[in-house]
N, C-alpha and C. Protein backbone atom coordinates (compact mmCIF):
# COMPACT_ATOMS: atom_id res chain seq x y z
N MET A 1 25.90 -4.70 -25.92
CA MET A 1 25.96 -3.68 -24.89
C MET A 1 24.83 -2.69 -25.16
N ASP A 2 24.01 -2.41 -24.15
CA ASP A 2 22.91 -1.47 -24.35
C ASP A 2 23.43 -0.03 -24.34
N SER A 3 22.54 0.88 -24.68
CA SER A 3 22.91 2.30 -24.84
C SER A 3 23.45 2.92 -23.55
N VAL A 4 22.81 2.62 -22.42
CA VAL A 4 23.27 3.19 -21.14
C VAL A 4 24.66 2.66 -20.81
N SER A 5 24.87 1.37 -20.99
CA SER A 5 26.19 0.79 -20.73
C SER A 5 27.25 1.41 -21.61
N ARG A 6 26.92 1.58 -22.88
CA ARG A 6 27.88 2.14 -23.83
C ARG A 6 28.23 3.59 -23.45
N HIS A 7 27.21 4.38 -23.15
CA HIS A 7 27.46 5.78 -22.77
C HIS A 7 28.19 5.87 -21.43
N SER A 8 27.90 4.96 -20.53
CA SER A 8 28.63 4.93 -19.25
C SER A 8 30.10 4.66 -19.48
N ALA A 9 30.39 3.66 -20.30
CA ALA A 9 31.78 3.31 -20.59
C ALA A 9 32.49 4.45 -21.32
N GLN A 10 31.82 5.09 -22.26
CA GLN A 10 32.43 6.20 -22.99
C GLN A 10 32.72 7.39 -22.07
N PHE A 11 31.81 7.67 -21.17
CA PHE A 11 32.03 8.78 -20.25
C PHE A 11 33.19 8.48 -19.31
N LEU A 12 33.24 7.28 -18.77
CA LEU A 12 34.36 6.91 -17.89
C LEU A 12 35.68 6.96 -18.63
N GLU A 13 35.68 6.53 -19.88
CA GLU A 13 36.90 6.60 -20.68
C GLU A 13 37.33 8.05 -20.89
N ALA A 14 36.38 8.93 -21.19
CA ALA A 14 36.71 10.35 -21.38
C ALA A 14 37.25 10.96 -20.09
N LEU A 15 36.63 10.64 -18.96
CA LEU A 15 37.13 11.14 -17.68
C LEU A 15 38.56 10.67 -17.43
N THR A 16 38.80 9.41 -17.69
CA THR A 16 40.12 8.83 -17.43
C THR A 16 41.18 9.44 -18.34
N GLU A 17 40.87 9.56 -19.61
CA GLU A 17 41.83 10.14 -20.56
C GLU A 17 42.12 11.60 -20.21
N ALA A 18 41.09 12.36 -19.85
CA ALA A 18 41.30 13.76 -19.46
C ALA A 18 42.11 13.84 -18.18
N ARG A 19 41.80 12.98 -17.22
CA ARG A 19 42.57 12.95 -15.98
C ARG A 19 44.04 12.64 -16.24
N ASP A 20 44.29 11.70 -17.14
CA ASP A 20 45.67 11.35 -17.48
C ASP A 20 46.40 12.55 -18.09
N ALA A 21 45.73 13.29 -18.96
CA ALA A 21 46.35 14.46 -19.58
C ALA A 21 46.63 15.54 -18.54
N ILE A 22 45.71 15.74 -17.62
CA ILE A 22 45.90 16.72 -16.55
C ILE A 22 47.07 16.28 -15.67
N SER A 23 47.11 15.01 -15.34
CA SER A 23 48.18 14.48 -14.52
C SER A 23 49.53 14.63 -15.21
N ASP A 24 49.57 14.35 -16.50
CA ASP A 24 50.82 14.53 -17.26
C ASP A 24 51.27 15.99 -17.20
N ALA A 25 50.34 16.91 -17.37
CA ALA A 25 50.68 18.34 -17.31
C ALA A 25 51.21 18.70 -15.93
N SER A 26 50.63 18.12 -14.88
CA SER A 26 51.06 18.44 -13.52
C SER A 26 52.45 17.91 -13.20
N ARG A 27 52.91 16.94 -13.98
CA ARG A 27 54.23 16.35 -13.77
C ARG A 27 55.32 17.02 -14.61
N SER A 28 54.92 17.90 -15.51
CA SER A 28 55.84 18.50 -16.48
C SER A 28 56.50 19.75 -15.91
N GLU A 29 57.32 19.55 -14.89
CA GLU A 29 57.96 20.67 -14.21
C GLU A 29 58.81 21.53 -15.12
N ARG A 30 59.36 20.94 -16.15
CA ARG A 30 60.26 21.69 -17.05
C ARG A 30 59.51 22.60 -18.01
N LEU A 31 58.21 22.36 -18.19
CA LEU A 31 57.42 23.21 -19.07
C LEU A 31 57.08 24.51 -18.35
N PRO A 32 56.98 25.61 -19.10
CA PRO A 32 56.50 26.86 -18.48
C PRO A 32 55.07 26.67 -17.96
N VAL A 33 54.74 27.43 -16.93
CA VAL A 33 53.40 27.33 -16.33
C VAL A 33 52.31 27.52 -17.38
N ALA A 34 52.49 28.46 -18.28
CA ALA A 34 51.48 28.72 -19.31
C ALA A 34 51.26 27.50 -20.21
N GLU A 35 52.30 26.78 -20.53
CA GLU A 35 52.17 25.58 -21.36
C GLU A 35 51.48 24.46 -20.59
N ARG A 36 51.85 24.28 -19.33
CA ARG A 36 51.14 23.28 -18.50
C ARG A 36 49.66 23.62 -18.41
N ALA A 37 49.36 24.90 -18.25
CA ALA A 37 47.96 25.34 -18.16
C ALA A 37 47.23 25.06 -19.47
N ARG A 38 47.87 25.31 -20.60
CA ARG A 38 47.25 25.05 -21.90
C ARG A 38 46.94 23.57 -22.07
N LEU A 39 47.88 22.73 -21.70
CA LEU A 39 47.67 21.27 -21.80
C LEU A 39 46.54 20.81 -20.90
N ALA A 40 46.51 21.33 -19.69
CA ALA A 40 45.45 20.94 -18.75
C ALA A 40 44.09 21.41 -19.25
N ARG A 41 44.02 22.65 -19.73
CA ARG A 41 42.74 23.18 -20.24
C ARG A 41 42.22 22.37 -21.41
N ALA A 42 43.11 21.95 -22.28
CA ALA A 42 42.71 21.22 -23.48
C ALA A 42 42.22 19.80 -23.18
N SER A 43 42.53 19.29 -22.01
CA SER A 43 42.24 17.89 -21.69
C SER A 43 40.77 17.52 -21.76
N THR A 44 39.90 18.34 -21.20
CA THR A 44 38.48 17.97 -21.15
C THR A 44 37.82 18.09 -22.52
N SER A 45 38.15 19.13 -23.26
CA SER A 45 37.53 19.27 -24.59
C SER A 45 38.09 18.23 -25.56
N ALA A 46 39.35 17.92 -25.46
CA ALA A 46 39.95 16.93 -26.36
C ALA A 46 39.29 15.56 -26.19
N GLN A 47 38.84 15.27 -25.00
CA GLN A 47 38.21 13.96 -24.73
C GLN A 47 36.69 14.01 -24.82
N GLY A 48 36.13 15.18 -25.04
CA GLY A 48 34.68 15.31 -25.15
C GLY A 48 33.96 15.01 -23.84
N VAL A 49 34.57 15.37 -22.74
CA VAL A 49 34.00 15.03 -21.42
C VAL A 49 32.59 15.57 -21.28
N HIS A 50 32.38 16.83 -21.59
CA HIS A 50 31.05 17.42 -21.36
C HIS A 50 30.00 16.83 -22.29
N ALA A 51 30.34 16.63 -23.55
CA ALA A 51 29.38 16.05 -24.48
C ALA A 51 28.98 14.64 -24.04
N LYS A 52 29.96 13.86 -23.61
CA LYS A 52 29.66 12.49 -23.17
C LYS A 52 28.90 12.49 -21.85
N GLN A 53 29.17 13.47 -21.02
CA GLN A 53 28.40 13.60 -19.77
C GLN A 53 26.93 13.87 -20.09
N TYR A 54 26.67 14.80 -21.00
CA TYR A 54 25.29 15.14 -21.35
C TYR A 54 24.57 13.96 -21.98
N GLN A 55 25.26 13.21 -22.82
CA GLN A 55 24.65 12.02 -23.42
C GLN A 55 24.27 11.02 -22.33
N LEU A 56 25.18 10.81 -21.38
CA LEU A 56 24.90 9.88 -20.30
C LEU A 56 23.72 10.36 -19.45
N GLU A 57 23.70 11.65 -19.14
CA GLU A 57 22.62 12.20 -18.31
C GLU A 57 21.24 12.00 -18.92
N LEU A 58 21.16 11.98 -20.25
CA LEU A 58 19.87 11.78 -20.91
C LEU A 58 19.31 10.39 -20.65
N LEU A 59 20.19 9.42 -20.44
CA LEU A 59 19.77 8.03 -20.34
C LEU A 59 19.88 7.43 -18.94
N ALA A 60 20.69 8.02 -18.11
CA ALA A 60 21.03 7.41 -16.82
C ALA A 60 19.97 7.70 -15.75
N THR A 61 20.08 6.94 -14.68
CA THR A 61 19.23 7.19 -13.53
C THR A 61 19.62 8.54 -12.91
N PRO A 62 18.74 9.14 -12.13
CA PRO A 62 19.09 10.41 -11.48
C PRO A 62 20.35 10.31 -10.62
N GLU A 63 20.55 9.18 -9.94
CA GLU A 63 21.73 9.01 -9.11
C GLU A 63 23.01 8.99 -9.95
N VAL A 64 22.98 8.29 -11.07
CA VAL A 64 24.15 8.25 -11.96
C VAL A 64 24.39 9.63 -12.56
N ALA A 65 23.32 10.31 -12.99
CA ALA A 65 23.48 11.65 -13.57
C ALA A 65 24.11 12.61 -12.57
N GLU A 66 23.66 12.57 -11.33
CA GLU A 66 24.23 13.43 -10.29
C GLU A 66 25.70 13.09 -10.03
N SER A 67 26.01 11.81 -9.97
CA SER A 67 27.40 11.39 -9.76
C SER A 67 28.27 11.77 -10.95
N ALA A 68 27.73 11.71 -12.15
CA ALA A 68 28.49 12.11 -13.35
C ALA A 68 28.80 13.61 -13.29
N ARG A 69 27.82 14.41 -12.91
CA ARG A 69 28.06 15.86 -12.78
C ARG A 69 29.12 16.14 -11.73
N ASP A 70 29.06 15.43 -10.61
CA ASP A 70 30.04 15.65 -9.55
C ASP A 70 31.44 15.23 -10.00
N ALA A 71 31.55 14.11 -10.68
CA ALA A 71 32.86 13.66 -11.16
C ALA A 71 33.44 14.66 -12.16
N SER A 72 32.60 15.18 -13.05
CA SER A 72 33.06 16.19 -14.00
C SER A 72 33.52 17.45 -13.27
N TYR A 73 32.75 17.87 -12.30
CA TYR A 73 33.10 19.06 -11.53
C TYR A 73 34.44 18.86 -10.80
N ARG A 74 34.62 17.72 -10.18
CA ARG A 74 35.87 17.43 -9.47
C ARG A 74 37.05 17.36 -10.44
N LEU A 75 36.81 16.84 -11.65
CA LEU A 75 37.86 16.82 -12.66
C LEU A 75 38.26 18.26 -13.03
N LEU A 76 37.26 19.13 -13.16
CA LEU A 76 37.56 20.53 -13.49
C LEU A 76 38.33 21.22 -12.37
N LEU A 77 38.04 20.87 -11.13
CA LEU A 77 38.79 21.44 -10.01
C LEU A 77 40.24 20.97 -10.05
N TYR A 78 40.45 19.73 -10.41
CA TYR A 78 41.81 19.20 -10.56
C TYR A 78 42.52 19.94 -11.69
N ARG A 79 41.83 20.06 -12.82
CA ARG A 79 42.39 20.81 -13.95
C ARG A 79 42.75 22.23 -13.53
N ASP A 80 41.85 22.89 -12.82
CA ASP A 80 42.07 24.27 -12.41
C ASP A 80 43.27 24.42 -11.47
N ALA A 81 43.52 23.40 -10.65
CA ALA A 81 44.70 23.43 -9.77
C ALA A 81 45.97 23.43 -10.61
N VAL A 82 45.97 22.64 -11.67
CA VAL A 82 47.13 22.59 -12.56
C VAL A 82 47.24 23.89 -13.35
N VAL A 83 46.12 24.40 -13.83
CA VAL A 83 46.11 25.67 -14.57
C VAL A 83 46.66 26.79 -13.70
N ALA A 84 46.38 26.73 -12.40
CA ALA A 84 46.87 27.76 -11.47
C ALA A 84 48.37 27.63 -11.21
N GLY A 85 49.00 26.59 -11.76
CA GLY A 85 50.44 26.45 -11.64
C GLY A 85 50.91 25.41 -10.64
N HIS A 86 49.99 24.70 -10.02
CA HIS A 86 50.37 23.68 -9.04
C HIS A 86 50.88 22.43 -9.73
N LEU A 87 51.91 21.86 -9.15
CA LEU A 87 52.49 20.62 -9.65
C LEU A 87 51.87 19.44 -8.91
N ARG A 88 52.10 18.26 -9.43
CA ARG A 88 51.46 17.04 -8.92
C ARG A 88 51.56 16.87 -7.40
N ASP A 89 52.71 17.13 -6.81
CA ASP A 89 52.89 16.89 -5.38
C ASP A 89 52.51 18.07 -4.50
N ASP A 90 52.07 19.18 -5.10
CA ASP A 90 51.60 20.31 -4.29
C ASP A 90 50.30 19.92 -3.59
N PRO A 91 50.09 20.39 -2.38
CA PRO A 91 48.88 20.02 -1.63
C PRO A 91 47.58 20.32 -2.39
N GLU A 92 47.52 21.43 -3.11
CA GLU A 92 46.30 21.79 -3.84
C GLU A 92 45.99 20.78 -4.93
N CYS A 93 47.03 20.35 -5.60
CA CYS A 93 46.88 19.39 -6.68
C CYS A 93 46.54 18.00 -6.12
N THR A 94 47.21 17.63 -5.08
CA THR A 94 46.97 16.33 -4.45
C THR A 94 45.53 16.24 -3.94
N GLN A 95 45.07 17.28 -3.27
CA GLN A 95 43.71 17.29 -2.73
C GLN A 95 42.68 17.21 -3.85
N ALA A 96 42.88 17.98 -4.91
CA ALA A 96 41.93 17.97 -6.03
C ALA A 96 41.92 16.62 -6.73
N ARG A 97 43.09 16.02 -6.90
CA ARG A 97 43.19 14.70 -7.55
C ARG A 97 42.47 13.64 -6.72
N ARG A 98 42.66 13.68 -5.42
CA ARG A 98 42.00 12.70 -4.55
C ARG A 98 40.48 12.89 -4.54
N ALA A 99 40.03 14.14 -4.55
CA ALA A 99 38.58 14.40 -4.58
C ALA A 99 37.99 13.88 -5.89
N PHE A 100 38.71 14.06 -6.99
CA PHE A 100 38.23 13.52 -8.27
C PHE A 100 38.16 11.99 -8.20
N ARG A 101 39.20 11.37 -7.67
CA ARG A 101 39.24 9.91 -7.58
C ARG A 101 38.05 9.39 -6.77
N GLU A 102 37.74 10.05 -5.66
CA GLU A 102 36.59 9.64 -4.84
C GLU A 102 35.28 9.81 -5.60
N ALA A 103 35.14 10.93 -6.32
CA ALA A 103 33.92 11.17 -7.09
C ALA A 103 33.77 10.14 -8.21
N ARG A 104 34.88 9.81 -8.85
CA ARG A 104 34.83 8.80 -9.92
C ARG A 104 34.44 7.43 -9.35
N GLN A 105 34.97 7.10 -8.18
CA GLN A 105 34.61 5.83 -7.55
C GLN A 105 33.13 5.79 -7.19
N LYS A 106 32.61 6.89 -6.69
CA LYS A 106 31.18 6.97 -6.37
C LYS A 106 30.35 6.81 -7.64
N LEU A 107 30.80 7.44 -8.72
CA LEU A 107 30.11 7.30 -10.01
C LEU A 107 30.10 5.85 -10.46
N MET A 108 31.23 5.18 -10.37
CA MET A 108 31.31 3.79 -10.81
C MET A 108 30.40 2.90 -9.97
N THR A 109 30.31 3.17 -8.69
CA THR A 109 29.41 2.41 -7.83
C THR A 109 27.96 2.63 -8.24
N ALA A 110 27.60 3.88 -8.51
CA ALA A 110 26.23 4.19 -8.95
C ALA A 110 25.94 3.52 -10.30
N MET A 111 26.92 3.54 -11.19
CA MET A 111 26.73 2.90 -12.50
C MET A 111 26.52 1.40 -12.35
N ARG A 112 27.35 0.78 -11.52
CA ARG A 112 27.18 -0.67 -11.32
C ARG A 112 25.80 -1.00 -10.78
N SER A 113 25.35 -0.21 -9.82
CA SER A 113 24.02 -0.45 -9.23
C SER A 113 22.92 -0.29 -10.26
N SER A 114 23.04 0.72 -11.11
CA SER A 114 21.97 0.95 -12.09
C SER A 114 22.00 -0.05 -13.23
N LEU A 115 23.17 -0.63 -13.49
CA LEU A 115 23.28 -1.57 -14.60
C LEU A 115 23.09 -3.03 -14.17
N ALA A 116 23.05 -3.26 -12.86
CA ALA A 116 22.89 -4.62 -12.36
C ALA A 116 21.53 -5.18 -12.76
N PRO A 117 21.51 -6.46 -13.11
CA PRO A 117 20.22 -7.09 -13.45
C PRO A 117 19.27 -7.04 -12.27
N ARG A 118 18.02 -6.80 -12.57
CA ARG A 118 17.01 -6.70 -11.49
C ARG A 118 16.06 -7.85 -11.55
């Protein structure tokens, strides 16, 4: 696996793991809002999302780098909805989660295009 492929896979894994942690926090209705917010905030740093994004941006095509930034931004908006106290089925949380999913799909499409044999 070449360096770009490896960094792409690592970044996608970090996004997915952070998203899962945010989603878990959004489902934890029994936890106090402050605890859900703490869990959601910790998700991106625990997975090294930003560090892996920067590593990918150094090696990726401009299109992939832009899509990576957008996916990270959408993930943070999802996190912020949970930090604000919204639960998984609240419209704010649902909208943010869907926007992240769309951005991640766009990123994966850009990655596939850039990694395809030419």
